[in-house]
């Protein structure tokens, strides 16, 4: 400590209340940021992934429930769990849903930043972190050029400055969703479904959902400042114990 004469100090944040209030309004921590964290898992989650979750935090004094769906096909896990959450007298009151998959590694402040973005951008019903498909030719899970009038799911280029990129569909490994979105009676059910047939085509559960949600005006985006790893424990796409 430097030699000094002690005088009253009202504190850093009190010196410029206008700036402090502006920051607080941007963060949205004074609003309802209650959430349910939903994690579908096949029974086990790699230690490196769990470690990242344990080091993650949520907005102060906000409700944050954690729910696992074990041993279920991923589309069924999401659809059945969300229905249970909506029907639950306590969980259904939460404003947001956060989905995290068993192989996604996010930054410690990732959940807080996702919720802040949802607060700042009411035009979006879902905002996700940036991660890539596994493998050396990995593609950003920013599915579809939202500016193209013809619906498409071409992977879009991330914003190198870390901004939001609107798209037509997202992965589900690190997303925040508005809970009320799933109360839209126009959406088909089940919401999420993995398809592989001549009638329904081949779709993963995430784009199956967005192919319907987009028809009803729901919008999504990826926050390219929230960088998320895609962990390959077994080495199915290259080296084992590697994060893409």
C-alpha atoms as a PDB file:
ATOM      1  CA  UNK A   1       0.000   0.000   0.000  1.00  0.00           C
ATOM      2  CA  UNK A   2       1.245   3.443  -0.917  1.00  0.00           C
ATOM      3  CA  UNK A   3       1.745   6.055   1.799  1.00  0.00           C
ATOM      4  CA  UNK A   4      -1.334   8.257   1.807  1.00  0.00           C
ATOM      5  CA  UNK A   5      -3.597  10.538   3.799  1.00  0.00           C
ATOM      6  CA  UNK A   6      -6.986   8.889   4.138  1.00  0.00           C
ATOM      7  CA  UNK A   7      -9.981  10.941   3.044  1.00  0.00           C
ATOM      8  CA  UNK A   8     -13.591   9.798   2.456  1.00  0.00           C
ATOM      9  CA  UNK A   9     -13.909   7.743  -0.718  1.00  0.00           C
ATOM     10  CA  UNK A  10     -17.407   7.060  -2.041  1.00  0.00           C
ATOM     11  CA  UNK A  11     -16.158   4.374  -4.406  1.00  0.00           C
ATOM     12  CA  UNK A  12     -15.417   3.920  -8.088  1.00  0.00           C
ATOM     13  CA  UNK A  13     -18.990   3.179  -9.179  1.00  0.00           C
ATOM     14  CA  UNK A  14     -20.431   6.178  -7.324  1.00  0.00           C
ATOM     15  CA  UNK A  15     -18.111   8.664  -9.039  1.00  0.00           C
ATOM     16  CA  UNK A  16     -20.142   8.675 -12.235  1.00  0.00           C
ATOM     17  CA  UNK A  17     -23.622   7.324 -11.540  1.00  0.00           C
ATOM     18  CA  UNK A  18     -24.836   8.133 -15.037  1.00  0.00           C
ATOM     19  CA  UNK A  19     -22.194   5.872 -16.548  1.00  0.00           C
ATOM     20  CA  UNK A  20     -22.805   3.188 -13.917  1.00  0.00           C
ATOM     21  CA  UNK A  21     -26.564   3.200 -14.503  1.00  0.00           C
ATOM     22  CA  UNK A  22     -25.976   2.989 -18.253  1.00  0.00           C
ATOM     23  CA  UNK A  23     -23.803  -0.085 -17.713  1.00  0.00           C
ATOM     24  CA  UNK A  24     -26.354  -1.716 -15.419  1.00  0.00           C
ATOM     25  CA  UNK A  25     -29.153  -1.136 -17.921  1.00  0.00           C
ATOM     26  CA  UNK A  26     -27.054  -2.674 -20.673  1.00  0.00           C
ATOM     27  CA  UNK A  27     -26.249  -5.735 -18.559  1.00  0.00           C
ATOM     28  CA  UNK A  28     -29.884  -6.157 -17.552  1.00  0.00           C
ATOM     29  CA  UNK A  29     -29.054  -7.746 -14.204  1.00  0.00           C
ATOM     30  CA  UNK A  30     -31.823  -5.701 -12.565  1.00  0.00           C
ATOM     31  CA  UNK A  31     -34.416  -7.431 -14.766  1.00  0.00           C
ATOM     32  CA  UNK A  32     -35.751 -10.972 -14.635  1.00  0.00           C
ATOM     33  CA  UNK A  33     -33.020 -13.172 -16.141  1.00  0.00           C
ATOM     34  CA  UNK A  34     -34.275 -16.399 -14.576  1.00  0.00           C
ATOM     35  CA  UNK A  35     -33.399 -19.462 -16.605  1.00  0.00           C
ATOM     36  CA  UNK A  36     -33.428 -23.222 -16.848  1.00  0.00           C
ATOM     37  CA  UNK A  37     -30.238 -24.862 -18.065  1.00  0.00           C
ATOM     38  CA  UNK A  38     -31.144 -27.968 -20.093  1.00  0.00           C
ATOM     39  CA  UNK A  39     -28.451 -30.526 -20.880  1.00  0.00           C
ATOM     40  CA  UNK A  40     -29.193 -33.668 -22.899  1.00  0.00           C
ATOM     41  CA  UNK A  41     -26.583 -36.367 -22.230  1.00  0.00           C
ATOM     42  CA  UNK A  42     -26.249 -40.007 -23.167  1.00  0.00           C
ATOM     43  CA  UNK A  43     -25.245 -40.937 -19.618  1.00  0.00           C
ATOM     44  CA  UNK A  44     -21.747 -39.462 -19.239  1.00  0.00           C
ATOM     45  CA  UNK A  45     -20.142 -36.075 -19.822  1.00  0.00           C
ATOM     46  CA  UNK A  46     -16.359 -35.679 -20.328  1.00  0.00           C
ATOM     47  CA  UNK A  47     -14.438 -34.147 -17.429  1.00  0.00           C
ATOM     48  CA  UNK A  48     -13.147 -31.224 -19.516  1.00  0.00           C
ATOM     49  CA  UNK A  49     -16.700 -30.249 -20.394  1.00  0.00           C
ATOM     50  CA  UNK A  50     -17.941 -30.542 -16.813  1.00  0.00           C
ATOM     51  CA  UNK A  51     -15.001 -28.434 -15.651  1.00  0.00           C
ATOM     52  CA  UNK A  52     -16.040 -25.620 -17.976  1.00  0.00           C
ATOM     53  CA  UNK A  53     -19.613 -25.778 -16.676  1.00  0.00           C
ATOM     54  CA  UNK A  54     -18.465 -25.693 -13.052  1.00  0.00           C
ATOM     55  CA  UNK A  55     -16.411 -22.592 -13.792  1.00  0.00           C
ATOM     56  CA  UNK A  56     -19.389 -20.843 -15.370  1.00  0.00           C
ATOM     57  CA  UNK A  57     -21.525 -18.381 -13.452  1.00  0.00           C
ATOM     58  CA  UNK A  58     -24.919 -16.732 -13.761  1.00  0.00           C
ATOM     59  CA  UNK A  59     -26.255 -13.203 -13.120  1.00  0.00           C
ATOM     60  CA  UNK A  60     -26.284 -12.353  -9.386  1.00  0.00           C
ATOM     61  CA  UNK A  61     -29.275 -13.458  -7.332  1.00  0.00           C
ATOM     62  CA  UNK A  62     -31.128 -14.836 -10.359  1.00  0.00           C
ATOM     63  CA  UNK A  63     -32.843 -18.220 -10.569  1.00  0.00           C
ATOM     64  CA  UNK A  64     -30.834 -20.806 -12.539  1.00  0.00           C
ATOM     65  CA  UNK A  65     -32.140 -24.378 -12.507  1.00  0.00           C
ATOM     66  CA  UNK A  66     -30.088 -27.216 -14.033  1.00  0.00           C
ATOM     67  CA  UNK A  67     -31.769 -30.202 -15.671  1.00  0.00           C
ATOM     68  CA  UNK A  68     -30.239 -33.247 -17.373  1.00  0.00           C
ATOM     69  CA  UNK A  69     -32.020 -35.520 -19.837  1.00  0.00           C
ATOM     70  CA  UNK A  70     -30.215 -38.863 -19.901  1.00  0.00           C
ATOM     71  CA  UNK A  71     -30.334 -41.764 -22.336  1.00  0.00           C
ATOM     72  CA  UNK A  72     -32.731 -40.143 -24.816  1.00  0.00           C
ATOM     73  CA  UNK A  73     -32.377 -39.351 -28.509  1.00  0.00           C
ATOM     74  CA  UNK A  74     -31.382 -35.691 -28.647  1.00  0.00           C
ATOM     75  CA  UNK A  75     -34.547 -34.451 -30.394  1.00  0.00           C
ATOM     76  CA  UNK A  76     -36.783 -36.319 -27.948  1.00  0.00           C
ATOM     77  CA  UNK A  77     -34.690 -35.074 -25.037  1.00  0.00           C
ATOM     78  CA  UNK A  78     -35.198 -31.441 -25.987  1.00  0.00           C
ATOM     79  CA  UNK A  79     -38.897 -31.741 -26.867  1.00  0.00           C
ATOM     80  CA  UNK A  80     -39.957 -33.768 -23.838  1.00  0.00           C
ATOM     81  CA  UNK A  81     -37.834 -31.777 -21.398  1.00  0.00           C
ATOM     82  CA  UNK A  82     -39.120 -28.411 -22.618  1.00  0.00           C
ATOM     83  CA  UNK A  83     -42.712 -29.631 -22.352  1.00  0.00           C
ATOM     84  CA  UNK A  84     -42.022 -30.758 -18.790  1.00  0.00           C
ATOM     85  CA  UNK A  85     -40.466 -27.383 -17.964  1.00  0.00           C
ATOM     86  CA  UNK A  86     -43.437 -25.440 -19.341  1.00  0.00           C
ATOM     87  CA  UNK A  87     -45.877 -27.603 -17.390  1.00  0.00           C
ATOM     88  CA  UNK A  88     -43.927 -27.311 -14.136  1.00  0.00           C
ATOM     89  CA  UNK A  89     -45.393 -24.738 -11.693  1.00  0.00           C
ATOM     90  CA  UNK A  90     -41.970 -23.313 -10.820  1.00  0.00           C
ATOM     91  CA  UNK A  91     -39.731 -24.000 -13.808  1.00  0.00           C
ATOM     92  CA  UNK A  92     -42.372 -22.710 -16.206  1.00  0.00           C
ATOM     93  CA  UNK A  93     -42.111 -19.243 -14.656  1.00  0.00           C
ATOM     94  CA  UNK A  94     -38.507 -18.830 -15.796  1.00  0.00           C
ATOM     95  CA  UNK A  95     -38.016 -16.337 -18.596  1.00  0.00           C
ATOM     96  CA  UNK A  96     -35.221 -18.064 -20.468  1.00  0.00           C
ATOM     97  CA  UNK A  97     -34.044 -21.512 -21.463  1.00  0.00           C
ATOM     98  CA  UNK A  98     -30.355 -22.257 -21.946  1.00  0.00           C
ATOM     99  CA  UNK A  99     -29.406 -25.375 -23.893  1.00  0.00           C
ATOM    100  CA  UNK A 100     -25.936 -26.869 -23.583  1.00  0.00           C
ATOM    101  CA  UNK A 101     -24.805 -30.148 -25.098  1.00  0.00           C
ATOM    102  CA  UNK A 102     -22.465 -32.699 -23.559  1.00  0.00           C
ATOM    103  CA  UNK A 103     -19.499 -31.769 -25.771  1.00  0.00           C
ATOM    104  CA  UNK A 104     -19.561 -27.954 -25.698  1.00  0.00           C
ATOM    105  CA  UNK A 105     -17.057 -25.925 -23.687  1.00  0.00           C
ATOM    106  CA  UNK A 106     -17.956 -22.292 -23.113  1.00  0.00           C
ATOM    107  CA  UNK A 107     -16.211 -19.370 -21.381  1.00  0.00           C
ATOM    108  CA  UNK A 108     -16.872 -18.744 -17.666  1.00  0.00           C
ATOM    109  CA  UNK A 109     -19.033 -15.693 -18.414  1.00  0.00           C
ATOM    110  CA  UNK A 110     -20.753 -17.240 -21.441  1.00  0.00           C
ATOM    111  CA  UNK A 111     -24.186 -17.732 -19.878  1.00  0.00           C
ATOM    112  CA  UNK A 112     -24.208 -14.201 -18.456  1.00  0.00           C
ATOM    113  CA  UNK A 113     -23.313 -12.735 -21.837  1.00  0.00           C
ATOM    114  CA  UNK A 114     -25.965 -14.774 -23.643  1.00  0.00           C
ATOM    115  CA  UNK A 115     -28.624 -13.519 -21.236  1.00  0.00           C
ATOM    116  CA  UNK A 116     -27.364  -9.944 -21.597  1.00  0.00           C
ATOM    117  CA  UNK A 117     -27.701 -10.227 -25.362  1.00  0.00           C
ATOM    118  CA  UNK A 118     -31.231 -11.559 -25.022  1.00  0.00           C
ATOM    119  CA  UNK A 119     -32.047  -8.562 -22.817  1.00  0.00           C
ATOM    120  CA  UNK A 120     -30.526  -6.118 -25.320  1.00  0.00           C
ATOM    121  CA  UNK A 121     -32.055  -7.729 -28.427  1.00  0.00           C
ATOM    122  CA  UNK A 122     -35.756  -8.486 -27.940  1.00  0.00           C
ATOM    123  CA  UNK A 123     -36.058  -8.992 -31.708  1.00  0.00           C
ATOM    124  CA  UNK A 124     -34.353 -12.386 -31.357  1.00  0.00           C
ATOM    125  CA  UNK A 125     -35.947 -15.453 -29.782  1.00  0.00           C
ATOM    126  CA  UNK A 126     -32.647 -17.335 -29.630  1.00  0.00           C
ATOM    127  CA  UNK A 127     -29.000 -16.284 -29.478  1.00  0.00           C
ATOM    128  CA  UNK A 128     -26.150 -18.778 -29.455  1.00  0.00           C
ATOM    129  CA  UNK A 129     -22.415 -18.813 -28.933  1.00  0.00           C
ATOM    130  CA  UNK A 130     -20.036 -19.472 -31.823  1.00  0.00           C
ATOM    131  CA  UNK A 131     -18.841 -23.024 -32.350  1.00  0.00           C
ATOM    132  CA  UNK A 132     -17.918 -25.153 -35.326  1.00  0.00           C
ATOM    133  CA  UNK A 133     -18.728 -28.631 -36.544  1.00  0.00           C
ATOM    134  CA  UNK A 134     -15.999 -31.119 -35.662  1.00  0.00           C
ATOM    135  CA  UNK A 135     -13.164 -31.918 -38.031  1.00  0.00           C
ATOM    136  CA  UNK A 136     -10.523 -30.024 -39.992  1.00  0.00           C
ATOM    137  CA  UNK A 137     -13.129 -28.709 -42.428  1.00  0.00           C
ATOM    138  CA  UNK A 138     -15.345 -27.521 -39.583  1.00  0.00           C
ATOM    139  CA  UNK A 139     -18.124 -25.092 -40.440  1.00  0.00           C
ATOM    140  CA  UNK A 140     -19.501 -22.341 -38.189  1.00  0.00           C
ATOM    141  CA  UNK A 141     -22.906 -23.248 -36.827  1.00  0.00           C
ATOM    142  CA  UNK A 142     -24.411 -20.072 -38.257  1.00  0.00           C
ATOM    143  CA  UNK A 143     -26.890 -21.773 -40.529  1.00  0.00           C
ATOM    144  CA  UNK A 144     -28.375 -19.766 -43.374  1.00  0.00           C
ATOM    145  CA  UNK A 145     -28.147 -16.319 -44.914  1.00  0.00           C
ATOM    146  CA  UNK A 146     -31.064 -14.447 -43.337  1.00  0.00           C
ATOM    147  CA  UNK A 147     -30.787 -11.711 -45.965  1.00  0.00           C
ATOM    148  CA  UNK A 148     -31.558 -14.131 -48.799  1.00  0.00           C
ATOM    149  CA  UNK A 149     -35.325 -14.218 -49.484  1.00  0.00           C
ATOM    150  CA  UNK A 150     -35.026 -17.923 -50.327  1.00  0.00           C
ATOM    151  CA  UNK A 151     -34.750 -20.000 -47.152  1.00  0.00           C
ATOM    152  CA  UNK A 152     -31.340 -21.652 -46.947  1.00  0.00           C
ATOM    153  CA  UNK A 153     -28.983 -23.124 -44.386  1.00  0.00           C
ATOM    154  CA  UNK A 154     -25.626 -22.287 -45.931  1.00  0.00           C
ATOM    155  CA  UNK A 155     -23.034 -21.813 -43.145  1.00  0.00           C
ATOM    156  CA  UNK A 156     -22.278 -18.112 -42.767  1.00  0.00           C
ATOM    157  CA  UNK A 157     -18.982 -16.404 -41.993  1.00  0.00           C
ATOM    158  CA  UNK A 158     -18.518 -15.259 -38.370  1.00  0.00           C
ATOM    159  CA  UNK A 159     -18.099 -11.576 -37.586  1.00  0.00           C
ATOM    160  CA  UNK A 160     -14.366 -11.122 -36.800  1.00  0.00           C
ATOM    161  CA  UNK A 161     -15.278  -8.155 -34.603  1.00  0.00           C
ATOM    162  CA  UNK A 162     -17.439 -10.344 -32.388  1.00  0.00           C
ATOM    163  CA  UNK A 163     -20.831  -8.987 -33.391  1.00  0.00           C
ATOM    164  CA  UNK A 164     -24.175 -10.706 -33.826  1.00  0.00           C
ATOM    165  CA  UNK A 165     -24.833 -12.555 -37.075  1.00  0.00           C
ATOM    166  CA  UNK A 166     -28.497 -13.217 -37.798  1.00  0.00           C
ATOM    167  CA  UNK A 167     -29.127 -16.583 -39.432  1.00  0.00           C
ATOM    168  CA  UNK A 168     -31.900 -19.050 -40.286  1.00  0.00           C
ATOM    169  CA  UNK A 169     -30.905 -21.709 -37.796  1.00  0.00           C
ATOM    170  CA  UNK A 170     -28.489 -22.485 -34.993  1.00  0.00           C
ATOM    171  CA  UNK A 171     -26.955 -25.507 -33.376  1.00  0.00           C
ATOM    172  CA  UNK A 172     -28.191 -26.187 -29.841  1.00  0.00           C
ATOM    173  CA  UNK A 173     -24.931 -26.673 -27.994  1.00  0.00           C
ATOM    174  CA  UNK A 174     -24.743 -23.224 -26.374  1.00  0.00           C
ATOM    175  CA  UNK A 175     -27.937 -21.184 -26.767  1.00  0.00           C
ATOM    176  CA  UNK A 176     -30.279 -18.924 -24.851  1.00  0.00           C
ATOM    177  CA  UNK A 177     -33.981 -19.061 -25.828  1.00  0.00           C
ATOM    178  CA  UNK A 178     -37.057 -17.109 -24.780  1.00  0.00           C
ATOM    179  CA  UNK A 179     -39.250 -19.529 -22.902  1.00  0.00           C
ATOM    180  CA  UNK A 180     -42.386 -17.921 -24.346  1.00  0.00           C
ATOM    181  CA  UNK A 181     -41.282 -18.975 -27.806  1.00  0.00           C
ATOM    182  CA  UNK A 182     -42.340 -22.518 -26.972  1.00  0.00           C
ATOM    183  CA  UNK A 183     -45.799 -21.300 -25.977  1.00  0.00           C
ATOM    184  CA  UNK A 184     -46.481 -20.327 -29.590  1.00  0.00           C
ATOM    185  CA  UNK A 185     -49.344 -22.659 -30.577  1.00  0.00           C
ATOM    186  CA  UNK A 186     -48.482 -22.255 -34.247  1.00  0.00           C
ATOM    187  CA  UNK A 187     -45.285 -24.266 -33.862  1.00  0.00           C
ATOM    188  CA  UNK A 188     -45.537 -27.935 -34.786  1.00  0.00           C
ATOM    189  CA  UNK A 189     -44.852 -30.587 -32.210  1.00  0.00           C
ATOM    190  CA  UNK A 190     -42.648 -32.261 -31.400  1.00  0.00           C
ATOM    191  CA  UNK A 191     -40.540 -29.137 -31.710  1.00  0.00           C
ATOM    192  CA  UNK A 192     -37.299 -31.054 -32.235  1.00  0.00           C
ATOM    193  CA  UNK A 193     -36.957 -34.176 -34.319  1.00  0.00           C
ATOM    194  CA  UNK A 194     -34.140 -35.956 -36.129  1.00  0.00           C
ATOM    195  CA  UNK A 195     -35.459 -37.116 -39.506  1.00  0.00           C
ATOM    196  CA  UNK A 196     -34.179 -39.535 -42.119  1.00  0.00           C
ATOM    197  CA  UNK A 197     -36.957 -40.536 -44.504  1.00  0.00           C
ATOM    198  CA  UNK A 198     -38.130 -39.996 -48.058  1.00  0.00           C
ATOM    199  CA  UNK A 199     -41.096 -37.955 -46.820  1.00  0.00           C
ATOM    200  CA  UNK A 200     -39.411 -35.728 -44.221  1.00  0.00           C
ATOM    201  CA  UNK A 201     -35.902 -35.717 -45.660  1.00  0.00           C
ATOM    202  CA  UNK A 202     -32.728 -35.766 -43.571  1.00  0.00           C
ATOM    203  CA  UNK A 203     -32.503 -33.129 -40.867  1.00  0.00           C
ATOM    204  CA  UNK A 204     -30.898 -32.766 -37.490  1.00  0.00           C
ATOM    205  CA  UNK A 205     -33.254 -31.780 -34.687  1.00  0.00           C
ATOM    206  CA  UNK A 206     -32.094 -28.159 -34.624  1.00  0.00           C
ATOM    207  CA  UNK A 207     -32.749 -27.298 -38.264  1.00  0.00           C
ATOM    208  CA  UNK A 208     -35.975 -29.335 -38.176  1.00  0.00           C
ATOM    209  CA  UNK A 209     -37.154 -26.881 -35.535  1.00  0.00           C
ATOM    210  CA  UNK A 210     -35.969 -23.743 -37.320  1.00  0.00           C
ATOM    211  CA  UNK A 211     -37.495 -24.788 -40.644  1.00  0.00           C
ATOM    212  CA  UNK A 212     -40.849 -24.372 -38.904  1.00  0.00           C
ATOM    213  CA  UNK A 213     -40.068 -21.537 -36.481  1.00  0.00           C
ATOM    214  CA  UNK A 214     -38.863 -19.229 -39.248  1.00  0.00           C
ATOM    215  CA  UNK A 215     -42.247 -19.538 -40.963  1.00  0.00           C
ATOM    216  CA  UNK A 216     -43.857 -17.950 -37.912  1.00  0.00           C
ATOM    217  CA  UNK A 217     -41.500 -15.006 -37.582  1.00  0.00           C
ATOM    218  CA  UNK A 218     -39.079 -16.320 -34.963  1.00  0.00           C
ATOM    219  CA  UNK A 219     -35.529 -15.059 -35.387  1.00  0.00           C
ATOM    220  CA  UNK A 220     -32.131 -16.239 -34.217  1.00  0.00           C
ATOM    221  CA  UNK A 221     -28.519 -15.057 -34.221  1.00  0.00           C
ATOM    222  CA  UNK A 222     -25.023 -16.069 -33.189  1.00  0.00           C
ATOM    223  CA  UNK A 223     -22.879 -13.919 -30.893  1.00  0.00           C
ATOM    224  CA  UNK A 224     -19.409 -14.251 -32.404  1.00  0.00           C
ATOM    225  CA  UNK A 225     -17.760 -12.843 -29.274  1.00  0.00           C
ATOM    226  CA  UNK A 226     -18.827 -15.878 -27.233  1.00  0.00           C
ATOM    227  CA  UNK A 227     -16.385 -18.526 -28.443  1.00  0.00           C
ATOM    228  CA  UNK A 228     -17.346 -22.111 -27.646  1.00  0.00           C
ATOM    229  CA  UNK A 229     -15.271 -25.265 -28.069  1.00  0.00           C
ATOM    230  CA  UNK A 230     -16.619 -28.504 -29.576  1.00  0.00           C
ATOM    231  CA  UNK A 231     -14.905 -31.327 -27.696  1.00  0.00           C
ATOM    232  CA  UNK A 232     -14.051 -34.686 -29.290  1.00  0.00           C
ATOM    233  CA  UNK A 233     -13.299 -37.053 -26.430  1.00  0.00           C
ATOM    234  CA  UNK A 234     -12.967 -40.257 -28.433  1.00  0.00           C
ATOM    235  CA  UNK A 235     -11.259 -38.857 -31.497  1.00  0.00           C
ATOM    236  CA  UNK A 236     -14.044 -39.653 -33.948  1.00  0.00           C
ATOM    237  CA  UNK A 237     -13.088 -36.655 -36.085  1.00  0.00           C
ATOM    238  CA  UNK A 238      -9.315 -36.742 -35.638  1.00  0.00           C
ATOM    239  CA  UNK A 239      -7.135 -36.717 -32.544  1.00  0.00           C
ATOM    240  CA  UNK A 240      -8.739 -37.958 -29.311  1.00  0.00           C
ATOM    241  CA  UNK A 241      -9.120 -35.477 -26.462  1.00  0.00           C
ATOM    242  CA  UNK A 242      -9.218 -32.549 -28.887  1.00  0.00           C
ATOM    243  CA  UNK A 243     -11.369 -29.425 -28.943  1.00  0.00           C
ATOM    244  CA  UNK A 244     -12.453 -28.119 -32.337  1.00  0.00           C
END
